Amino acid sequence: MNSISVSNKSWILKKFNEEYKIITVPGPNEIDDAKNLKAIPILDNDKALNISQLSSLIKDSSFVIANDTGPAH
């Protein structure tokens, strides 16, 4: 089971979509789920970003909400 489908670990995007531009940076097992959200998926040729790309994106972001795996640590 991928983390995006675990309801207690997923943000409710409909609360935020009206006020903010929401992007997602899905992992390799989350790409199909991320494309079904009302958010802009950030991918590299339809593949997950590598750790260097992800860290650059986070560094240049104004605000980041992350689940409790990977980049949140």
C-alpha atoms as a PDB file:
ATOM      1  CA  MET A   1       0.000   0.000   0.000  1.00  0.00           C
ATOM      2  CA  ASN A   2       1.446   3.382  -0.901  1.00  0.00           C
ATOM      3  CA  SER A   3       1.366   6.274   1.515  1.00  0.00           C
ATOM      4  CA  ILE A   4      -0.945   8.484  -0.526  1.00  0.00           C
ATOM      5  CA  SER A   5      -3.807   5.992  -0.106  1.00  0.00           C
ATOM      6  CA  VAL A   6      -3.513   5.804   3.683  1.00  0.00           C
ATOM      7  CA  SER A   7      -6.303   8.122   4.765  1.00  0.00           C
ATOM      8  CA  ASN A   8      -4.829   9.163   8.099  1.00  0.00           C
ATOM      9  CA  LYS A   9      -1.620  10.301   6.382  1.00  0.00           C
ATOM     10  CA  SER A  10      -3.124  12.199   3.439  1.00  0.00           C
ATOM     11  CA  TRP A  11      -3.926  15.899   3.451  1.00  0.00           C
ATOM     12  CA  ILE A  12      -7.416  16.873   2.361  1.00  0.00           C
ATOM     13  CA  LEU A  13      -6.557  18.948  -0.699  1.00  0.00           C
ATOM     14  CA  LYS A  14     -10.053  20.272  -1.296  1.00  0.00           C
ATOM     15  CA  LYS A  15      -9.611  22.533   1.748  1.00  0.00           C
ATOM     16  CA  PHE A  16      -6.576  24.178   0.157  1.00  0.00           C
ATOM     17  CA  ASN A  17      -7.212  24.121  -3.619  1.00  0.00           C
ATOM     18  CA  GLU A  18      -9.298  27.270  -3.642  1.00  0.00           C
ATOM     19  CA  GLU A  19      -6.673  29.426  -1.936  1.00  0.00           C
ATOM     20  CA  TYR A  20      -3.336  27.970  -3.036  1.00  0.00           C
ATOM     21  CA  LYS A  21      -1.675  26.385  -6.028  1.00  0.00           C
ATOM     22  CA  ILE A  22      -1.082  22.820  -4.867  1.00  0.00           C
ATOM     23  CA  ILE A  23       1.667  20.656  -6.306  1.00  0.00           C
ATOM     24  CA  THR A  24       2.560  17.080  -5.484  1.00  0.00           C
ATOM     25  CA  VAL A  25       5.877  15.311  -5.825  1.00  0.00           C
ATOM     26  CA  PRO A  26       4.891  11.659  -5.813  1.00  0.00           C
ATOM     27  CA  GLY A  27       7.208   8.750  -5.209  1.00  0.00           C
ATOM     28  CA  PRO A  28       7.492   5.972  -7.798  1.00  0.00           C
ATOM     29  CA  ASN A  29       4.505   4.070  -6.359  1.00  0.00           C
ATOM     30  CA  GLU A  30       2.318   7.182  -6.006  1.00  0.00           C
ATOM     31  CA  ILE A  31       2.369   8.605  -9.543  1.00  0.00           C
ATOM     32  CA  ASP A  32      -1.002   7.239 -10.696  1.00  0.00           C
ATOM     33  CA  ASP A  33      -2.710   8.334  -7.475  1.00  0.00           C
ATOM     34  CA  ALA A  34      -1.129  11.799  -7.672  1.00  0.00           C
ATOM     35  CA  LYS A  35      -2.406  12.326 -11.216  1.00  0.00           C
ATOM     36  CA  ASN A  36      -5.967  11.826  -9.939  1.00  0.00           C
ATOM     37  CA  LEU A  37      -5.715  14.672  -7.414  1.00  0.00           C
ATOM     38  CA  LYS A  38      -6.681  18.275  -8.065  1.00  0.00           C
ATOM     39  CA  ALA A  39      -3.017  19.230  -7.877  1.00  0.00           C
ATOM     40  CA  ILE A  40      -0.096  19.653 -10.251  1.00  0.00           C
ATOM     41  CA  PRO A  41       2.180  16.592 -10.150  1.00  0.00           C
ATOM     42  CA  ILE A  42       5.877  17.441 -10.516  1.00  0.00           C
ATOM     43  CA  LEU A  43       7.538  14.637 -12.466  1.00  0.00           C
ATOM     44  CA  ASP A  44      10.636  14.137 -14.591  1.00  0.00           C
ATOM     45  CA  ASN A  45       9.510  12.595 -17.898  1.00  0.00           C
ATOM     46  CA  ASP A  46       6.585  10.887 -16.090  1.00  0.00           C
ATOM     47  CA  LYS A  47       8.927   9.458 -13.445  1.00  0.00           C
ATOM     48  CA  ALA A  48       9.504  10.391  -9.818  1.00  0.00           C
ATOM     49  CA  LEU A  49      12.132  13.037  -9.120  1.00  0.00           C
ATOM     50  CA  ASN A  50      15.495  11.837  -7.893  1.00  0.00           C
ATOM     51  CA  ILE A  51      16.679  12.930  -4.454  1.00  0.00           C
ATOM     52  CA  SER A  52      18.773  15.790  -5.851  1.00  0.00           C
ATOM     53  CA  GLN A  53      15.828  17.203  -7.826  1.00  0.00           C
ATOM     54  CA  LEU A  54      13.544  16.812  -4.830  1.00  0.00           C
ATOM     55  CA  SER A  55      15.933  18.547  -2.446  1.00  0.00           C
ATOM     56  CA  SER A  56      16.333  21.463  -4.889  1.00  0.00           C
ATOM     57  CA  LEU A  57      12.564  21.805  -5.175  1.00  0.00           C
ATOM     58  CA  ILE A  58      12.158  21.790  -1.397  1.00  0.00           C
ATOM     59  CA  LYS A  59      14.989  24.321  -0.968  1.00  0.00           C
ATOM     60  CA  ASP A  60      13.328  26.726  -3.417  1.00  0.00           C
ATOM     61  CA  SER A  61       9.820  26.304  -1.969  1.00  0.00           C
ATOM     62  CA  SER A  62       8.131  28.876   0.246  1.00  0.00           C
ATOM     63  CA  PHE A  63       6.136  26.282   2.157  1.00  0.00           C
ATOM     64  CA  VAL A  64       6.246  22.476   2.274  1.00  0.00           C
ATOM     65  CA  ILE A  65       3.771  19.992   3.701  1.00  0.00           C
ATOM     66  CA  ALA A  66       5.158  16.470   3.733  1.00  0.00           C
ATOM     67  CA  ASN A  67       4.038  13.141   5.048  1.00  0.00           C
ATOM     68  CA  ASP A  68       6.074  11.383   7.710  1.00  0.00           C
ATOM     69  CA  THR A  69       8.394   9.548   5.321  1.00  0.00           C
ATOM     70  CA  GLY A  70      11.304  10.484   3.103  1.00  0.00           C
ATOM     71  CA  PRO A  71      11.851  14.238   2.738  1.00  0.00           C
ATOM     72  CA  ALA A  72      10.140  15.057   6.029  1.00  0.00           C
ATOM     73  CA  HIS A  73      13.079  13.467   7.827  1.00  0.00           C
END
